[in-house]
Amino acid sequence: MTGPQAALRGLLAGRLRGHERRLSRFAESDWLRYADLLAGALLVAVRRRFVAGQDRALVIRFVASVRERYDATGRDVDPVLAEALVWAALGERPPVPPDTAAIVARTVLLLGLLEDEGLTDRELDEILVAASHAADDSTHGTNRPQTGAPVESDRQ
């Protein structure tokens, strides 16, 4: 497992000190890979929970729930940005550039999605493998699954 993969795994498993330690040692290439893995993991998690064309209220309620749980100040996660990230993962909006605000929102959304599922360690590892594939596909210009199409981890 690479540094970025291990860091993301630590975050998602709730091992925050190890996550922060790994992040502090990242080189520029590690940060880029971490951002790609985070985006891939969000893509996988969003498509496990939501489908394209569904009622927008479900996404709005989910974003509000996540902000309530993880955004103590109410200013760290822009709800419009968070909703745009979900819709982009479903192919209903253009991708969101990976700036600092988007990375924070992706992290919070991903934590909320995975917490809601109550995943086992094995299921979490499967999502990380699928996230790695999604990140590799986007990095190499390969087409991602069509809107609402299941990703590999969905076909079990």
Protein backbone atom coordinates (compact mmCIF):
# COMPACT_ATOMS: atom_id res chain seq x y z
CA MET A 1 0.00 0.00 0.00
CA THR A 2 1.44 3.37 -1.02
CA GLY A 3 1.68 6.37 1.30
CA PRO A 4 -1.41 8.06 -0.16
CA GLN A 5 -3.40 4.81 -0.03
CA ALA A 6 -2.32 4.15 3.55
CA ALA A 7 -3.17 7.71 4.55
CA LEU A 8 -6.66 7.47 3.07
CA ARG A 9 -7.18 4.03 4.63
CA GLY A 10 -6.15 5.44 8.01
CA LEU A 11 -8.55 8.35 7.70
CA LEU A 12 -11.46 6.15 6.72
CA ALA A 13 -10.69 3.68 9.51
CA GLY A 14 -10.65 6.52 12.06
CA ARG A 15 -6.91 6.41 12.72
CA LEU A 16 -6.49 10.17 12.56
CA ARG A 17 -3.05 10.47 14.16
CA GLY A 18 -1.53 8.03 11.68
CA HIS A 19 -3.34 9.82 8.87
CA GLU A 20 -1.93 13.18 9.91
CA ARG A 21 1.58 11.72 10.31
CA ARG A 22 1.48 10.31 6.79
CA LEU A 23 0.16 13.57 5.34
CA SER A 24 2.98 15.52 6.97
CA ARG A 25 5.52 13.43 5.04
CA PHE A 26 3.89 13.80 1.63
CA ALA A 27 5.83 15.05 -1.36
CA GLU A 28 3.96 16.91 -4.13
CA SER A 29 3.39 13.67 -6.07
CA ASP A 30 1.88 12.06 -2.95
CA TRP A 31 -0.56 14.97 -2.55
CA LEU A 32 -1.64 14.64 -6.17
CA ARG A 33 -2.19 10.89 -5.80
CA TYR A 34 -4.04 11.39 -2.51
CA ALA A 35 -6.38 13.92 -4.16
CA ASP A 36 -7.01 11.45 -7.02
CA LEU A 37 -7.70 8.60 -4.58
CA LEU A 38 -10.01 10.79 -2.52
CA ALA A 39 -11.96 11.75 -5.66
CA GLY A 40 -12.09 8.10 -6.73
CA ALA A 41 -13.30 6.98 -3.31
CA LEU A 42 -16.01 9.64 -3.32
CA LEU A 43 -17.10 8.55 -6.79
CA VAL A 44 -17.43 4.94 -5.63
CA ALA A 45 -19.20 5.84 -2.38
CA VAL A 46 -21.63 8.28 -4.02
CA ARG A 47 -22.61 5.70 -6.63
CA ARG A 48 -23.24 3.13 -3.91
CA ARG A 49 -25.76 5.47 -2.28
CA PHE A 50 -27.27 7.67 -4.98
CA VAL A 51 -28.36 7.35 -8.60
CA ALA A 52 -28.45 9.93 -11.34
CA GLY A 53 -31.78 11.66 -11.80
CA GLN A 54 -33.05 10.99 -8.30
CA ASP A 55 -34.86 13.51 -6.14
CA ARG A 56 -32.50 16.37 -5.32
CA ALA A 57 -33.90 16.60 -1.79
CA LEU A 58 -32.14 13.34 -0.85
CA VAL A 59 -28.75 14.83 -1.72
CA ILE A 60 -29.56 18.12 0.01
CA ARG A 61 -30.57 16.27 3.20
CA PHE A 62 -27.45 14.11 3.06
CA VAL A 63 -25.16 17.14 2.67
CA ALA A 64 -26.92 18.89 5.56
CA SER A 65 -26.50 15.77 7.70
CA VAL A 66 -22.80 15.51 6.92
CA ARG A 67 -22.20 19.19 7.62
CA GLU A 68 -24.03 18.83 10.93
CA ARG A 69 -21.85 15.86 11.92
CA TYR A 70 -18.43 17.03 10.70
CA ASP A 71 -18.47 20.80 10.20
CA ALA A 72 -18.52 22.21 13.73
CA THR A 73 -18.17 25.82 12.60
CA GLY A 74 -20.69 25.56 9.77
CA ARG A 75 -18.18 27.34 7.52
CA ASP A 76 -15.73 24.59 6.54
CA VAL A 77 -17.93 22.89 3.94
CA ASP A 78 -19.82 24.95 1.38
CA PRO A 79 -23.16 23.15 0.84
CA VAL A 80 -23.37 24.24 -2.80
CA LEU A 81 -19.88 22.83 -3.45
CA ALA A 82 -20.69 19.61 -1.56
CA GLU A 83 -23.85 19.08 -3.58
CA ALA A 84 -21.95 19.82 -6.80
CA LEU A 85 -19.42 17.12 -5.89
CA VAL A 86 -22.19 14.55 -5.44
CA TRP A 87 -23.85 15.48 -8.74
CA ALA A 88 -20.49 15.47 -10.53
CA ALA A 89 -19.82 11.95 -9.23
CA LEU A 90 -23.16 10.93 -10.75
CA GLY A 91 -22.25 12.54 -14.05
CA GLU A 92 -24.90 15.26 -13.81
CA ARG A 93 -22.46 18.16 -13.45
CA PRO A 94 -18.93 18.84 -14.67
CA PRO A 95 -16.05 17.68 -12.44
CA VAL A 96 -15.04 20.00 -9.61
CA PRO A 97 -11.36 21.09 -9.61
CA PRO A 98 -9.36 19.69 -6.67
CA ASP A 99 -8.74 22.88 -4.71
CA THR A 100 -8.52 23.00 -0.92
CA ALA A 101 -12.26 23.61 -0.42
CA ALA A 102 -13.13 20.68 -2.69
CA ILE A 103 -10.70 18.36 -0.89
CA VAL A 104 -12.21 19.27 2.48
CA ALA A 105 -15.74 18.76 1.13
CA ARG A 106 -14.78 15.44 -0.51
CA THR A 107 -13.28 14.22 2.76
CA VAL A 108 -16.35 15.14 4.79
CA LEU A 109 -18.76 13.68 2.24
CA LEU A 110 -16.77 10.46 2.03
CA LEU A 111 -16.63 10.09 5.80
CA GLY A 112 -20.39 10.59 6.00
CA LEU A 113 -21.16 8.12 3.22
CA LEU A 114 -18.95 5.41 4.66
CA GLU A 115 -20.06 5.98 8.24
CA ASP A 116 -23.69 5.67 7.16
CA GLU A 117 -22.90 2.30 5.56
CA GLY A 118 -21.11 0.90 8.62
CA LEU A 119 -18.56 -0.96 6.51
CA THR A 120 -16.43 -3.86 7.63
CA ASP A 121 -12.66 -3.66 7.12
CA ARG A 122 -12.98 -5.93 4.08
CA GLU A 123 -15.67 -3.73 2.52
CA LEU A 124 -13.60 -0.64 3.20
CA ASP A 125 -10.62 -2.26 1.45
CA GLU A 126 -12.84 -3.10 -1.54
CA ILE A 127 -13.89 0.54 -1.79
CA LEU A 128 -10.26 1.64 -1.66
CA VAL A 129 -9.37 -0.79 -4.48
CA ALA A 130 -12.27 0.52 -6.55
CA ALA A 131 -11.18 4.09 -5.71
CA SER A 132 -7.68 3.31 -6.93
CA HIS A 133 -9.09 1.98 -10.21
CA ALA A 134 -11.31 5.06 -10.61
CA ALA A 135 -8.35 7.35 -9.89
CA ASP A 136 -6.18 5.48 -12.40
CA ASP A 137 -8.92 5.66 -15.02
CA SER A 138 -9.33 9.41 -14.62
CA THR A 139 -5.57 10.00 -14.58
CA HIS A 140 -5.06 8.02 -17.78
CA GLY A 141 -8.05 9.52 -19.58
CA THR A 142 -10.04 6.30 -19.58
CA ASN A 143 -13.79 6.80 -19.58
CA ARG A 144 -15.42 6.33 -16.23
CA PRO A 145 -18.63 4.33 -15.93
CA GLN A 146 -21.64 6.06 -17.41
CA THR A 147 -23.98 8.06 -15.21
CA GLY A 148 -25.54 5.84 -12.58
CA ALA A 149 -23.67 2.76 -13.84
CA PRO A 150 -22.43 0.50 -11.09
CA VAL A 151 -18.74 0.37 -10.33
CA GLU A 152 -16.97 -2.92 -9.67
CA SER A 153 -17.61 -2.83 -5.91
CA ASP A 154 -21.37 -2.57 -6.60
CA ARG A 155 -21.52 -5.88 -8.46
CA GLN A 156 -21.37 -8.23 -5.50
